[in-house]
Amino acid sequence: MTSQSQGIQQLLQAEKRAKDKLEEAKKRKEKRLRQAKEEAIAEIDHYRLQREKEFRNKQTNVMGSQGNLSAKIEEQTAESVRNLTSSYHKNMESMMKKLLSTICDINPEVHPNFRHAV
């Protein structure tokens, strides 16, 4: 009977060691999964930062060229306004004289289509 009880004890101990080994393996697996997840998150963050940096560089290049275009357009607009102002001041006096002469100098004439009713 003692040999049976020793055999049972050995089986129980072997079962306990196997259970401990399984628990240890599960813990190592969990640890590896956690570590892999953290590495994946770090890699994703690194990739995201890299892509955002590339996007900002491209955006700066595009917006920079648009800034140059807007500066050119503003310069052209200012030049057009200066030209129009100059033209206005140059021609204002002659146009006012012509307009006033047209309005004020009236030559009373009978229209050719007017029929005299007699």
N, C-alpha and C. Protein backbone atom coordinates (compact mmCIF):
# COMPACT_ATOMS: atom_id res chain seq x y z
N MET A 1 0.79 -1.18 0.00
CA MET A 1 0.00 0.00 0.00
C MET A 1 0.85 1.26 0.00
N THR A 2 1.94 1.21 0.71
CA THR A 2 2.82 2.38 0.74
C THR A 2 3.38 2.68 -0.64
N SER A 3 3.63 1.62 -1.39
CA SER A 3 4.15 1.88 -2.73
C SER A 3 3.06 2.52 -3.59
N GLN A 4 1.82 2.13 -3.35
CA GLN A 4 0.73 2.76 -4.10
C GLN A 4 0.59 4.21 -3.67
N SER A 5 0.67 4.45 -2.38
CA SER A 5 0.52 5.82 -1.93
C SER A 5 1.72 6.64 -2.39
N GLN A 6 2.90 6.03 -2.46
CA GLN A 6 4.06 6.76 -2.99
C GLN A 6 3.86 7.04 -4.48
N GLY A 7 3.33 6.08 -5.16
CA GLY A 7 3.06 6.26 -6.59
C GLY A 7 2.04 7.36 -6.82
N ILE A 8 1.02 7.40 -5.97
CA ILE A 8 -0.01 8.45 -6.07
C ILE A 8 0.62 9.79 -5.75
N GLN A 9 1.46 9.82 -4.71
CA GLN A 9 2.13 11.07 -4.34
C GLN A 9 3.01 11.56 -5.49
N GLN A 10 3.73 10.61 -6.11
CA GLN A 10 4.59 10.98 -7.23
C GLN A 10 3.76 11.51 -8.40
N LEU A 11 2.62 10.88 -8.64
CA LEU A 11 1.73 11.35 -9.71
C LEU A 11 1.19 12.74 -9.39
N LEU A 12 0.81 12.97 -8.13
CA LEU A 12 0.30 14.28 -7.73
C LEU A 12 1.39 15.34 -7.86
N GLN A 13 2.61 14.97 -7.44
CA GLN A 13 3.72 15.92 -7.56
C GLN A 13 4.03 16.20 -9.03
N ALA A 14 4.02 15.16 -9.86
CA ALA A 14 4.26 15.34 -11.28
C ALA A 14 3.17 16.21 -11.91
N GLU A 15 1.93 15.98 -11.48
CA GLU A 15 0.82 16.81 -11.98
C GLU A 15 1.00 18.25 -11.55
N LYS A 16 1.43 18.47 -10.30
CA LYS A 16 1.64 19.83 -9.80
C LYS A 16 2.77 20.50 -10.57
N ARG A 17 3.88 19.78 -10.83
CA ARG A 17 4.99 20.36 -11.60
C ARG A 17 4.52 20.71 -13.02
N ALA A 18 3.74 19.85 -13.63
CA ALA A 18 3.23 20.11 -14.98
C ALA A 18 2.33 21.34 -14.97
N LYS A 19 1.49 21.44 -13.94
CA LYS A 19 0.59 22.60 -13.80
C LYS A 19 1.41 23.87 -13.63
N ASP A 20 2.47 23.81 -12.81
CA ASP A 20 3.34 24.97 -12.60
C ASP A 20 4.04 25.37 -13.90
N LYS A 21 4.50 24.35 -14.65
CA LYS A 21 5.16 24.63 -15.92
C LYS A 21 4.19 25.28 -16.91
N LEU A 22 2.95 24.81 -16.93
CA LEU A 22 1.93 25.41 -17.81
C LEU A 22 1.65 26.86 -17.42
N GLU A 23 1.53 27.12 -16.12
CA GLU A 23 1.29 28.49 -15.66
C GLU A 23 2.47 29.38 -16.01
N GLU A 24 3.68 28.85 -15.83
CA GLU A 24 4.88 29.62 -16.18
C GLU A 24 4.90 29.90 -17.68
N ALA A 25 4.55 28.92 -18.50
CA ALA A 25 4.50 29.11 -19.96
C ALA A 25 3.44 30.14 -20.33
N LYS A 26 2.28 30.12 -19.67
CA LYS A 26 1.23 31.11 -19.94
C LYS A 26 1.72 32.50 -19.59
N LYS A 27 2.43 32.62 -18.45
CA LYS A 27 2.95 33.93 -18.04
C LYS A 27 3.96 34.45 -19.05
N ARG A 28 4.87 33.56 -19.52
CA ARG A 28 5.85 33.98 -20.53
C ARG A 28 5.16 34.40 -21.82
N LYS A 29 4.11 33.65 -22.20
CA LYS A 29 3.37 33.98 -23.42
C LYS A 29 2.70 35.34 -23.28
N GLU A 30 2.06 35.59 -22.14
CA GLU A 30 1.42 36.89 -21.90
C GLU A 30 2.45 38.01 -21.96
N LYS A 31 3.61 37.75 -21.34
CA LYS A 31 4.67 38.76 -21.32
C LYS A 31 5.15 39.06 -22.75
N ARG A 32 5.34 37.99 -23.56
CA ARG A 32 5.75 38.19 -24.96
C ARG A 32 4.70 38.93 -25.76
N LEU A 33 3.42 38.61 -25.54
CA LEU A 33 2.34 39.30 -26.25
C LEU A 33 2.30 40.78 -25.87
N ARG A 34 2.44 41.06 -24.58
CA ARG A 34 2.44 42.44 -24.11
C ARG A 34 3.61 43.21 -24.73
N GLN A 35 4.78 42.57 -24.73
CA GLN A 35 5.96 43.20 -25.30
C GLN A 35 5.78 43.43 -26.80
N ALA A 36 5.23 42.46 -27.51
CA ALA A 36 5.00 42.61 -28.95
C ALA A 36 4.00 43.74 -29.22
N LYS A 37 2.99 43.84 -28.38
CA LYS A 37 1.99 44.90 -28.55
C LYS A 37 2.65 46.27 -28.34
N GLU A 38 3.47 46.38 -27.30
CA GLU A 38 4.15 47.65 -27.03
C GLU A 38 5.10 48.01 -28.18
N GLU A 39 5.82 47.02 -28.70
CA GLU A 39 6.71 47.27 -29.83
C GLU A 39 5.91 47.71 -31.06
N ALA A 40 4.78 47.07 -31.29
CA ALA A 40 3.95 47.43 -32.44
C ALA A 40 3.43 48.86 -32.30
N ILE A 41 3.00 49.22 -31.09
CA ILE A 41 2.50 50.59 -30.86
C ILE A 41 3.62 51.59 -31.08
N ALA A 42 4.82 51.28 -30.57
CA ALA A 42 5.96 52.18 -30.76
C ALA A 42 6.29 52.33 -32.24
N GLU A 43 6.25 51.23 -32.98
CA GLU A 43 6.55 51.27 -34.41
C GLU A 43 5.49 52.08 -35.17
N ILE A 44 4.23 51.89 -34.79
CA ILE A 44 3.15 52.66 -35.43
C ILE A 44 3.32 54.14 -35.15
N ASP A 45 3.64 54.50 -33.89
CA ASP A 45 3.84 55.91 -33.55
C ASP A 45 5.01 56.50 -34.34
N HIS A 46 6.07 55.74 -34.45
CA HIS A 46 7.24 56.21 -35.21
C HIS A 46 6.85 56.44 -36.68
N TYR A 47 6.13 55.50 -37.27
CA TYR A 47 5.70 55.62 -38.66
C TYR A 47 4.78 56.82 -38.83
N ARG A 48 3.84 56.99 -37.89
CA ARG A 48 2.90 58.12 -37.96
C ARG A 48 3.66 59.45 -37.90
N LEU A 49 4.62 59.55 -36.98
CA LEU A 49 5.40 60.78 -36.87
C LEU A 49 6.20 61.05 -38.15
N GLN A 50 6.75 60.01 -38.72
CA GLN A 50 7.50 60.16 -39.96
C GLN A 50 6.60 60.64 -41.09
N ARG A 51 5.43 60.06 -41.24
CA ARG A 51 4.49 60.47 -42.30
C ARG A 51 3.98 61.90 -42.07
N GLU A 52 3.73 62.26 -40.80
CA GLU A 52 3.27 63.62 -40.51
C GLU A 52 4.36 64.63 -40.86
N LYS A 53 5.61 64.27 -40.59
CA LYS A 53 6.72 65.16 -40.93
C LYS A 53 6.81 65.34 -42.44
N GLU A 54 6.70 64.25 -43.18
CA GLU A 54 6.71 64.33 -44.65
C GLU A 54 5.55 65.19 -45.15
N PHE A 55 4.37 65.01 -44.55
CA PHE A 55 3.19 65.79 -44.96
C PHE A 55 3.43 67.27 -44.69
N ARG A 56 3.97 67.59 -43.50
CA ARG A 56 4.22 69.00 -43.18
C ARG A 56 5.23 69.61 -44.15
N ASN A 57 6.25 68.83 -44.52
CA ASN A 57 7.23 69.34 -45.49
C ASN A 57 6.58 69.62 -46.84
N LYS A 58 5.76 68.68 -47.31
CA LYS A 58 5.07 68.88 -48.58
C LYS A 58 4.11 70.06 -48.49
N GLN A 59 3.41 70.16 -47.38
CA GLN A 59 2.46 71.25 -47.20
C GLN A 59 3.19 72.59 -47.18
N THR A 60 4.35 72.63 -46.53
CA THR A 60 5.13 73.86 -46.49
C THR A 60 5.59 74.23 -47.89
N ASN A 61 6.02 73.24 -48.67
CA ASN A 61 6.45 73.52 -50.04
C ASN A 61 5.31 74.07 -50.87
N VAL A 62 4.13 73.47 -50.76
CA VAL A 62 2.98 73.92 -51.54
C VAL A 62 2.51 75.28 -51.07
N MET A 63 2.37 75.43 -49.76
CA MET A 63 1.89 76.71 -49.22
C MET A 63 2.91 77.81 -49.46
N GLY A 64 4.19 77.46 -49.42
CA GLY A 64 5.22 78.45 -49.70
C GLY A 64 5.10 78.98 -51.11
N SER A 65 4.88 78.10 -52.07
CA SER A 65 4.73 78.55 -53.45
C SER A 65 3.44 79.34 -53.62
N GLN A 66 2.39 78.97 -52.90
CA GLN A 66 1.15 79.74 -52.95
C GLN A 66 1.36 81.12 -52.33
N GLY A 67 2.19 81.17 -51.29
CA GLY A 67 2.50 82.45 -50.66
C GLY A 67 3.20 83.36 -51.65
N ASN A 68 4.11 82.80 -52.45
CA ASN A 68 4.78 83.59 -53.48
C ASN A 68 3.79 84.07 -54.52
N LEU A 69 2.86 83.21 -54.90
CA LEU A 69 1.85 83.60 -55.88
C LEU A 69 0.97 84.72 -55.34
N SER A 70 0.56 84.59 -54.09
CA SER A 70 -0.30 85.64 -53.53
C SER A 70 0.46 86.95 -53.42
N ALA A 71 1.75 86.89 -53.11
CA ALA A 71 2.55 88.11 -53.06
C ALA A 71 2.65 88.74 -54.44
N LYS A 72 2.83 87.92 -55.48
CA LYS A 72 2.89 88.44 -56.84
C LYS A 72 1.56 89.07 -57.24
N ILE A 73 0.47 88.41 -56.89
CA ILE A 73 -0.86 88.94 -57.24
C ILE A 73 -1.10 90.27 -56.53
N GLU A 74 -0.73 90.34 -55.26
CA GLU A 74 -0.90 91.60 -54.53
C GLU A 74 -0.06 92.70 -55.16
N GLU A 75 1.16 92.37 -55.57
CA GLU A 75 2.02 93.37 -56.21
C GLU A 75 1.41 93.85 -57.53
N GLN A 76 0.89 92.90 -58.32
CA GLN A 76 0.26 93.27 -59.59
C GLN A 76 -0.98 94.13 -59.36
N THR A 77 -1.76 93.78 -58.34
CA THR A 77 -2.95 94.57 -58.02
C THR A 77 -2.57 95.99 -57.61
N ALA A 78 -1.56 96.10 -56.77
CA ALA A 78 -1.11 97.43 -56.34
C ALA A 78 -0.63 98.24 -57.54
N GLU A 79 0.09 97.61 -58.46
CA GLU A 79 0.57 98.28 -59.66
C GLU A 79 -0.61 98.75 -60.52
N SER A 80 -1.63 97.91 -60.67
CA SER A 80 -2.82 98.29 -61.44
C SER A 80 -3.53 99.48 -60.79
N VAL A 81 -3.63 99.45 -59.47
CA VAL A 81 -4.28 100.57 -58.77
C VAL A 81 -3.47 101.85 -58.97
N ARG A 82 -2.16 101.77 -58.90
CA ARG A 82 -1.32 102.96 -59.12
C ARG A 82 -1.50 103.49 -60.54
N ASN A 83 -1.54 102.58 -61.52
CA ASN A 83 -1.73 103.02 -62.91
C ASN A 83 -3.08 103.68 -63.11
N LEU A 84 -4.13 103.08 -62.54
CA LEU A 84 -5.47 103.67 -62.67
C LEU A 84 -5.54 105.03 -61.98
N THR A 85 -4.93 105.16 -60.83
CA THR A 85 -4.94 106.44 -60.10
C THR A 85 -4.18 107.50 -60.90
N SER A 86 -3.06 107.09 -61.45
CA SER A 86 -2.27 108.03 -62.26
C SER A 86 -3.07 108.47 -63.48
N SER A 87 -3.70 107.51 -64.15
CA SER A 87 -4.51 107.83 -65.33
C SER A 87 -5.68 108.74 -64.96
N TYR A 88 -6.30 108.49 -63.83
CA TYR A 88 -7.42 109.31 -63.36
C TYR A 88 -6.97 110.75 -63.16
N HIS A 89 -5.86 110.94 -62.45
CA HIS A 89 -5.39 112.30 -62.18
C HIS A 89 -4.95 113.00 -63.47
N LYS A 90 -4.40 112.24 -64.40
CA LYS A 90 -3.93 112.83 -65.65
C LYS A 90 -5.10 113.26 -66.54
N ASN A 91 -6.16 112.47 -66.61
CA ASN A 91 -7.25 112.74 -67.54
C ASN A 91 -8.47 113.38 -66.91
N MET A 92 -8.49 113.58 -65.61
CA MET A 92 -9.67 114.10 -64.93
C MET A 92 -10.03 115.50 -65.44
N GLU A 93 -9.07 116.38 -65.55
CA GLU A 93 -9.34 117.77 -65.93
C GLU A 93 -9.92 117.85 -67.33
N SER A 94 -9.32 117.13 -68.27
CA SER A 94 -9.81 117.21 -69.65
C SER A 94 -11.21 116.59 -69.77
N MET A 95 -11.46 115.50 -69.04
CA MET A 95 -12.78 114.87 -69.09
C MET A 95 -13.84 115.77 -68.47
N MET A 96 -13.50 116.43 -67.38
CA MET A 96 -14.47 117.34 -66.75
C MET A 96 -14.82 118.49 -67.70
N LYS A 97 -13.81 119.03 -68.39
CA LYS A 97 -14.08 120.12 -69.34
C LYS A 97 -14.96 119.63 -70.47
N LYS A 98 -14.66 118.45 -70.99
CA LYS A 98 -15.46 117.90 -72.10
C LYS A 98 -16.89 117.64 -71.65
N LEU A 99 -17.07 117.08 -70.47
CA LEU A 99 -18.39 116.79 -69.95
C LEU A 99 -19.18 118.08 -69.71
N LEU A 100 -18.55 119.07 -69.10
CA LEU A 100 -19.24 120.34 -68.86
C LEU A 100 -19.58 121.06 -70.16
N SER A 101 -18.68 120.98 -71.12
CA SER A 101 -18.98 121.65 -72.40
C SER A 101 -20.14 120.97 -73.11
N THR A 102 -20.21 119.65 -73.02
CA THR A 102 -21.31 118.93 -73.66
C THR A 102 -22.63 119.29 -72.98
N ILE A 103 -22.61 119.41 -71.68
CA ILE A 103 -23.84 119.71 -70.95
C ILE A 103 -24.24 121.16 -71.07
N CYS A 104 -23.27 122.05 -70.96
CA CYS A 104 -23.60 123.48 -70.89
C CYS A 104 -23.73 124.16 -72.25
N ASP A 105 -23.01 123.71 -73.24
CA ASP A 105 -23.06 124.35 -74.55
C ASP A 105 -24.19 123.72 -75.37
N ILE A 106 -25.34 124.39 -75.35
CA ILE A 106 -26.50 123.88 -76.06
C ILE A 106 -26.70 124.68 -77.33
N ASN A 107 -26.81 123.99 -78.43
CA ASN A 107 -27.11 124.63 -79.71
C ASN A 107 -28.55 124.30 -80.06
N PRO A 108 -29.45 125.24 -79.92
CA PRO A 108 -30.84 124.95 -80.26
C PRO A 108 -31.01 124.80 -81.77
N GLU A 109 -31.41 123.65 -82.20
CA GLU A 109 -31.65 123.36 -83.61
C GLU A 109 -32.96 122.61 -83.73
N VAL A 110 -33.56 122.72 -84.84
CA VAL A 110 -34.78 121.99 -85.11
C VAL A 110 -34.36 120.65 -85.69
N HIS A 111 -34.98 119.64 -85.17
CA HIS A 111 -34.65 118.30 -85.63
C HIS A 111 -35.11 118.13 -87.06
N PRO A 112 -34.33 117.43 -87.89
CA PRO A 112 -34.70 117.29 -89.29
C PRO A 112 -36.02 116.57 -89.50
N ASN A 113 -36.45 115.74 -88.61
CA ASN A 113 -37.70 115.00 -88.79
C ASN A 113 -38.93 115.81 -88.32
N PHE A 114 -38.67 116.99 -87.77
CA PHE A 114 -39.80 117.78 -87.28
C PHE A 114 -40.54 118.38 -88.47
N ARG A 115 -41.89 118.20 -88.47
CA ARG A 115 -42.71 118.75 -89.54
C ARG A 115 -43.46 119.94 -88.98
N HIS A 116 -43.38 120.91 -89.74
CA HIS A 116 -44.05 122.12 -89.32
C HIS A 116 -45.52 122.02 -89.70
N ALA A 117 -46.38 122.14 -88.77
CA ALA A 117 -47.80 122.02 -89.06
C ALA A 117 -48.33 123.37 -89.48
N VAL A 118 -48.56 123.53 -90.73
CA VAL A 118 -49.13 124.79 -91.21
C VAL A 118 -50.38 124.54 -91.98
